[in-house]
Amino acid sequence: MNKNEKHFGLRVDGEILAKFRYVCSYVGRSANSQIIQLMLKFIADYEKEHGEIEVPREKE
C-alpha cells in the first residue's frame, strides 16, 4: 500500500455483495478494482458537469 492509498470500509447487504462479486468475476475484476472504476466514472461524470474538484494536499 502506498502513502496515498486509504482503507475504506463498506457495509453492504450480503446478497448484493454476492451478486456484485459474481459480476466482477465475470468481467475479470476484483470487487475492489470494480469499485474503484465505478468511483472514477462517478467523479468524471460530476467533474464534466461541475468542473474539476480541487482536493487540498495533505501535509507530510
PDB file of N, CA and C in Angstrom:
ATOM      1  N   MET A   1       0.851  -1.181   0.000  1.00  0.00           N
ATOM      2  CA  MET A   1       0.000   0.000   0.000  1.00  0.00           C
ATOM      3  C   MET A   1       0.895   1.242   0.000  1.00  0.00           C
ATOM      4  N   ASN A   2       0.673   2.140  -0.965  1.00  0.00           N
ATOM      5  CA  ASN A   2       1.489   3.351  -0.997  1.00  0.00           C
ATOM      6  C   ASN A   2       0.936   4.392  -0.031  1.00  0.00           C
ATOM      7  N   LYS A   3       1.681   5.486   0.145  1.00  0.00           N
ATOM      8  CA  LYS A   3       1.315   6.526   1.116  1.00  0.00           C
ATOM      9  C   LYS A   3      -0.054   7.136   0.844  1.00  0.00           C
ATOM     10  N   ASN A   4      -0.455   7.204  -0.409  1.00  0.00           N
ATOM     11  CA  ASN A   4      -1.701   7.865  -0.751  1.00  0.00           C
ATOM     12  C   ASN A   4      -2.914   6.936  -0.693  1.00  0.00           C
ATOM     13  N   GLU A   5      -2.706   5.626  -0.603  1.00  0.00           N
ATOM     14  CA  GLU A   5      -3.831   4.694  -0.539  1.00  0.00           C
ATOM     15  C   GLU A   5      -4.450   4.715   0.848  1.00  0.00           C
ATOM     16  N   LYS A   6      -5.769   4.697   0.881  1.00  0.00           N
ATOM     17  CA  LYS A   6      -6.518   4.716   2.132  1.00  0.00           C
ATOM     18  C   LYS A   6      -7.435   3.501   2.184  1.00  0.00           C
ATOM     19  N   HIS A   7      -7.679   3.010   3.372  1.00  0.00           N
ATOM     20  CA  HIS A   7      -8.624   1.916   3.565  1.00  0.00           C
ATOM     21  C   HIS A   7     -10.018   2.513   3.666  1.00  0.00           C
ATOM     22  N   PHE A   8     -10.995   1.855   3.041  1.00  0.00           N
ATOM     23  CA  PHE A   8     -12.368   2.347   3.036  1.00  0.00           C
ATOM     24  C   PHE A   8     -13.289   1.187   3.367  1.00  0.00           C
ATOM     25  N   GLY A   9     -13.899   1.219   4.530  1.00  0.00           N
ATOM     26  CA  GLY A   9     -14.839   0.168   4.926  1.00  0.00           C
ATOM     27  C   GLY A   9     -16.204   0.422   4.316  1.00  0.00           C
ATOM     28  N   LEU A  10     -16.918  -0.656   4.025  1.00  0.00           N
ATOM     29  CA  LEU A  10     -18.220  -0.521   3.381  1.00  0.00           C
ATOM     30  C   LEU A  10     -19.169  -1.569   3.947  1.00  0.00           C
ATOM     31  N   ARG A  11     -20.307  -1.135   4.450  1.00  0.00           N
ATOM     32  CA  ARG A  11     -21.339  -2.073   4.898  1.00  0.00           C
ATOM     33  C   ARG A  11     -22.307  -2.266   3.744  1.00  0.00           C
ATOM     34  N   VAL A  12     -22.598  -3.527   3.419  1.00  0.00           N
ATOM     35  CA  VAL A  12     -23.483  -3.812   2.292  1.00  0.00           C
ATOM     36  C   VAL A  12     -24.234  -5.114   2.567  1.00  0.00           C
ATOM     37  N   ASP A  13     -25.438  -5.197   2.072  1.00  0.00           N
ATOM     38  CA  ASP A  13     -26.242  -6.407   2.190  1.00  0.00           C
ATOM     39  C   ASP A  13     -25.506  -7.587   1.561  1.00  0.00           C
ATOM     40  N   GLY A  14     -25.549  -8.732   2.209  1.00  0.00           N
ATOM     41  CA  GLY A  14     -24.824  -9.913   1.749  1.00  0.00           C
ATOM     42  C   GLY A  14     -25.216 -10.376   0.356  1.00  0.00           C
ATOM     43  N   GLU A  15     -26.496 -10.317   0.039  1.00  0.00           N
ATOM     44  CA  GLU A  15     -26.947 -10.751  -1.295  1.00  0.00           C
ATOM     45  C   GLU A  15     -26.428  -9.806  -2.375  1.00  0.00           C
ATOM     46  N   ILE A  16     -26.454  -8.508  -2.084  1.00  0.00           N
ATOM     47  CA  ILE A  16     -25.915  -7.536  -3.044  1.00  0.00           C
ATOM     48  C   ILE A  16     -24.429  -7.786  -3.264  1.00  0.00           C
ATOM     49  N   LEU A  17     -23.693  -8.014  -2.190  1.00  0.00           N
ATOM     50  CA  LEU A  17     -22.255  -8.261  -2.306  1.00  0.00           C
ATOM     51  C   LEU A  17     -21.979  -9.532  -3.102  1.00  0.00           C
ATOM     52  N   ALA A  18     -22.729 -10.586  -2.836  1.00  0.00           N
ATOM     53  CA  ALA A  18     -22.538 -11.846  -3.571  1.00  0.00           C
ATOM     54  C   ALA A  18     -22.780 -11.645  -5.063  1.00  0.00           C
ATOM     55  N   LYS A  19     -23.836 -10.939  -5.413  1.00  0.00           N
ATOM     56  CA  LYS A  19     -24.134 -10.682  -6.825  1.00  0.00           C
ATOM     57  C   LYS A  19     -23.067  -9.791  -7.453  1.00  0.00           C
ATOM     58  N   PHE A  20     -22.624  -8.779  -6.701  1.00  0.00           N
ATOM     59  CA  PHE A  20     -21.582  -7.882  -7.196  1.00  0.00           C
ATOM     60  C   PHE A  20     -20.300  -8.652  -7.480  1.00  0.00           C
ATOM     61  N   ARG A  21     -19.894  -9.505  -6.539  1.00  0.00           N
ATOM     62  CA  ARG A  21     -18.687 -10.314  -6.739  1.00  0.00           C
ATOM     63  C   ARG A  21     -18.837 -11.251  -7.928  1.00  0.00           C
ATOM     64  N   TYR A  22     -20.020 -11.791  -8.135  1.00  0.00           N
ATOM     65  CA  TYR A  22     -20.283 -12.674  -9.279  1.00  0.00           C
ATOM     66  C   TYR A  22     -20.045 -11.921 -10.585  1.00  0.00           C
ATOM     67  N   VAL A  23     -20.623 -10.720 -10.680  1.00  0.00           N
ATOM     68  CA  VAL A  23     -20.474  -9.922 -11.901  1.00  0.00           C
ATOM     69  C   VAL A  23     -19.023  -9.483 -12.084  1.00  0.00           C
ATOM     70  N   CYS A  24     -18.360  -9.104 -11.008  1.00  0.00           N
ATOM     71  CA  CYS A  24     -16.950  -8.714 -11.089  1.00  0.00           C
ATOM     72  C   CYS A  24     -16.112  -9.860 -11.632  1.00  0.00           C
ATOM     73  N   SER A  25     -16.375 -11.052 -11.120  1.00  0.00           N
ATOM     74  CA  SER A  25     -15.649 -12.232 -11.593  1.00  0.00           C
ATOM     75  C   SER A  25     -15.906 -12.454 -13.078  1.00  0.00           C
ATOM     76  N   TYR A  26     -17.128 -12.252 -13.510  1.00  0.00           N
ATOM     77  CA  TYR A  26     -17.499 -12.427 -14.909  1.00  0.00           C
ATOM     78  C   TYR A  26     -16.706 -11.500 -15.822  1.00  0.00           C
ATOM     79  N   VAL A  27     -16.473 -10.265 -15.377  1.00  0.00           N
ATOM     80  CA  VAL A  27     -15.726  -9.306 -16.200  1.00  0.00           C
ATOM     81  C   VAL A  27     -14.228  -9.320 -15.898  1.00  0.00           C
ATOM     82  N   GLY A  28     -13.794 -10.208 -15.001  1.00  0.00           N
ATOM     83  CA  GLY A  28     -12.368 -10.385 -14.738  1.00  0.00           C
ATOM     84  C   GLY A  28     -11.758  -9.340 -13.820  1.00  0.00           C
ATOM     85  N   ARG A  29     -12.564  -8.788 -12.933  1.00  0.00           N
ATOM     86  CA  ARG A  29     -12.060  -7.796 -11.986  1.00  0.00           C
ATOM     87  C   ARG A  29     -12.351  -8.246 -10.565  1.00  0.00           C
ATOM     88  N   SER A  30     -11.516  -7.784  -9.651  1.00  0.00           N
ATOM     89  CA  SER A  30     -11.827  -7.974  -8.237  1.00  0.00           C
ATOM     90  C   SER A  30     -12.914  -6.975  -7.867  1.00  0.00           C
ATOM     91  N   ALA A  31     -13.603  -7.240  -6.770  1.00  0.00           N
ATOM     92  CA  ALA A  31     -14.621  -6.305  -6.299  1.00  0.00           C
ATOM     93  C   ALA A  31     -13.977  -4.939  -6.012  1.00  0.00           C
ATOM     94  N   ASN A  32     -12.796  -4.945  -5.417  1.00  0.00           N
ATOM     95  CA  ASN A  32     -12.096  -3.699  -5.112  1.00  0.00           C
ATOM     96  C   ASN A  32     -11.802  -2.904  -6.382  1.00  0.00           C
ATOM     97  N   SER A  33     -11.263  -3.570  -7.396  1.00  0.00           N
ATOM     98  CA  SER A  33     -10.948  -2.893  -8.663  1.00  0.00           C
ATOM     99  C   SER A  33     -12.201  -2.328  -9.320  1.00  0.00           C
ATOM    100  N   GLN A  34     -13.293  -3.077  -9.251  1.00  0.00           N
ATOM    101  CA  GLN A  34     -14.537  -2.613  -9.866  1.00  0.00           C
ATOM    102  C   GLN A  34     -15.097  -1.409  -9.121  1.00  0.00           C
ATOM    103  N   ILE A  35     -15.029  -1.420  -7.803  1.00  0.00           N
ATOM    104  CA  ILE A  35     -15.497  -0.271  -7.026  1.00  0.00           C
ATOM    105  C   ILE A  35     -14.681   0.973  -7.381  1.00  0.00           C
ATOM    106  N   ILE A  36     -13.373   0.823  -7.526  1.00  0.00           N
ATOM    107  CA  ILE A  36     -12.528   1.959  -7.909  1.00  0.00           C
ATOM    108  C   ILE A  36     -12.934   2.484  -9.283  1.00  0.00           C
ATOM    109  N   GLN A  37     -13.199   1.592 -10.243  1.00  0.00           N
ATOM    110  CA  GLN A  37     -13.624   2.018 -11.577  1.00  0.00           C
ATOM    111  C   GLN A  37     -14.954   2.764 -11.519  1.00  0.00           C
ATOM    112  N   LEU A  38     -15.890   2.269 -10.698  1.00  0.00           N
ATOM    113  CA  LEU A  38     -17.179   2.938 -10.545  1.00  0.00           C
ATOM    114  C   LEU A  38     -17.005   4.322  -9.915  1.00  0.00           C
ATOM    115  N   MET A  39     -16.120   4.416  -8.935  1.00  0.00           N
ATOM    116  CA  MET A  39     -15.852   5.706  -8.292  1.00  0.00           C
ATOM    117  C   MET A  39     -15.244   6.688  -9.281  1.00  0.00           C
ATOM    118  N   LEU A  40     -14.283   6.243 -10.079  1.00  0.00           N
ATOM    119  CA  LEU A  40     -13.645   7.114 -11.067  1.00  0.00           C
ATOM    120  C   LEU A  40     -14.650   7.613 -12.099  1.00  0.00           C
ATOM    121  N   LYS A  41     -15.552   6.747 -12.544  1.00  0.00           N
ATOM    122  CA  LYS A  41     -16.589   7.148 -13.510  1.00  0.00           C
ATOM    123  C   LYS A  41     -17.532   8.159 -12.881  1.00  0.00           C
ATOM    124  N   PHE A  42     -17.922   7.923 -11.642  1.00  0.00           N
ATOM    125  CA  PHE A  42     -18.815   8.826 -10.926  1.00  0.00           C
ATOM    126  C   PHE A  42     -18.184  10.212 -10.789  1.00  0.00           C
ATOM    127  N   ILE A  43     -16.905  10.239 -10.426  1.00  0.00           N
ATOM    128  CA  ILE A  43     -16.174  11.502 -10.286  1.00  0.00           C
ATOM    129  C   ILE A  43     -16.049  12.200 -11.634  1.00  0.00           C
ATOM    130  N   ALA A  44     -15.694  11.451 -12.679  1.00  0.00           N
ATOM    131  CA  ALA A  44     -15.540  12.042 -14.016  1.00  0.00           C
ATOM    132  C   ALA A  44     -16.854  12.642 -14.497  1.00  0.00           C
ATOM    133  N   ASP A  45     -17.963  11.952 -14.264  1.00  0.00           N
ATOM    134  CA  ASP A  45     -19.271  12.480 -14.663  1.00  0.00           C
ATOM    135  C   ASP A  45     -19.587  13.774 -13.914  1.00  0.00           C
ATOM    136  N   TYR A  46     -19.294  13.807 -12.627  1.00  0.00           N
ATOM    137  CA  TYR A  46     -19.532  15.011 -11.827  1.00  0.00           C
ATOM    138  C   TYR A  46     -18.678  16.172 -12.341  1.00  0.00           C
ATOM    139  N   GLU A  47     -17.374  15.897 -12.543  1.00  0.00           N
ATOM    140  CA  GLU A  47     -16.461  16.958 -12.982  1.00  0.00           C
ATOM    141  C   GLU A  47     -16.799  17.463 -14.382  1.00  0.00           C
ATOM    142  N   LYS A  48     -17.324  16.592 -15.219  1.00  0.00           N
ATOM    143  CA  LYS A  48     -17.725  17.011 -16.561  1.00  0.00           C
ATOM    144  C   LYS A  48     -18.834  18.060 -16.481  1.00  0.00           C
ATOM    145  N   GLU A  49     -19.726  17.898 -15.520  1.00  0.00           N
ATOM    146  CA  GLU A  49     -20.847  18.836 -15.372  1.00  0.00           C
ATOM    147  C   GLU A  49     -20.506  20.051 -14.517  1.00  0.00           C
ATOM    148  N   HIS A  50     -19.684  19.859 -13.477  1.00  0.00           N
ATOM    149  CA  HIS A  50     -19.459  20.921 -12.495  1.00  0.00           C
ATOM    150  C   HIS A  50     -18.040  21.476 -12.453  1.00  0.00           C
ATOM    151  N   GLY A  51     -17.128  20.901 -13.198  1.00  0.00           N
ATOM    152  CA  GLY A  51     -15.740  21.343 -13.166  1.00  0.00           C
ATOM    153  C   GLY A  51     -14.905  20.488 -12.229  1.00  0.00           C
ATOM    154  N   GLU A  52     -13.600  20.628 -12.384  1.00  0.00           N
ATOM    155  CA  GLU A  52     -12.656  19.816 -11.621  1.00  0.00           C
ATOM    156  C   GLU A  52     -12.775  20.061 -10.112  1.00  0.00           C
ATOM    157  N   ILE A  53     -12.710  19.014  -9.357  1.00  0.00           N
ATOM    158  CA  ILE A  53     -12.760  19.094  -7.909  1.00  0.00           C
ATOM    159  C   ILE A  53     -11.359  19.381  -7.402  1.00  0.00           C
ATOM    160  N   GLU A  54     -11.210  20.434  -6.615  1.00  0.00           N
ATOM    161  CA  GLU A  54      -9.918  20.772  -6.007  1.00  0.00           C
ATOM    162  C   GLU A  54      -9.826  20.048  -4.670  1.00  0.00           C
ATOM    163  N   VAL A  55      -8.822  19.197  -4.535  1.00  0.00           N
ATOM    164  CA  VAL A  55      -8.605  18.451  -3.288  1.00  0.00           C
ATOM    165  C   VAL A  55      -7.370  19.011  -2.608  1.00  0.00           C
ATOM    166  N   PRO A  56      -7.509  19.487  -1.357  1.00  0.00           N
ATOM    167  CA  PRO A  56      -6.340  20.013  -0.646  1.00  0.00           C
ATOM    168  C   PRO A  56      -5.288  18.924  -0.437  1.00  0.00           C
ATOM    169  N   ARG A  57      -4.034  19.286  -0.583  1.00  0.00           N
ATOM    170  CA  ARG A  57      -2.937  18.343  -0.356  1.00  0.00           C
ATOM    171  C   ARG A  57      -2.777  18.091   1.128  1.00  0.00           C
ATOM    172  N   GLU A  58      -2.459  16.838   1.466  1.00  0.00           N
ATOM    173  CA  GLU A  58      -2.203  16.505   2.862  1.00  0.00           C
ATOM    174  C   GLU A  58      -0.805  16.948   3.251  1.00  0.00           C
ATOM    175  N   LYS A  59      -0.638  17.386   4.483  1.00  0.00           N
ATOM    176  CA  LYS A  59       0.673  17.763   4.977  1.00  0.00           C
ATOM    177  C   LYS A  59       1.488  16.499   5.202  1.00  0.00           C
ATOM    178  N   GLU A  60       2.749  16.550   4.849  1.00  0.00           N
ATOM    179  CA  GLU A  60       3.613  15.379   5.018  1.00  0.00           C
ATOM    180  C   GLU A  60       4.285  15.382   6.368  1.00  0.00           C
TER     181      GLU A  60
END
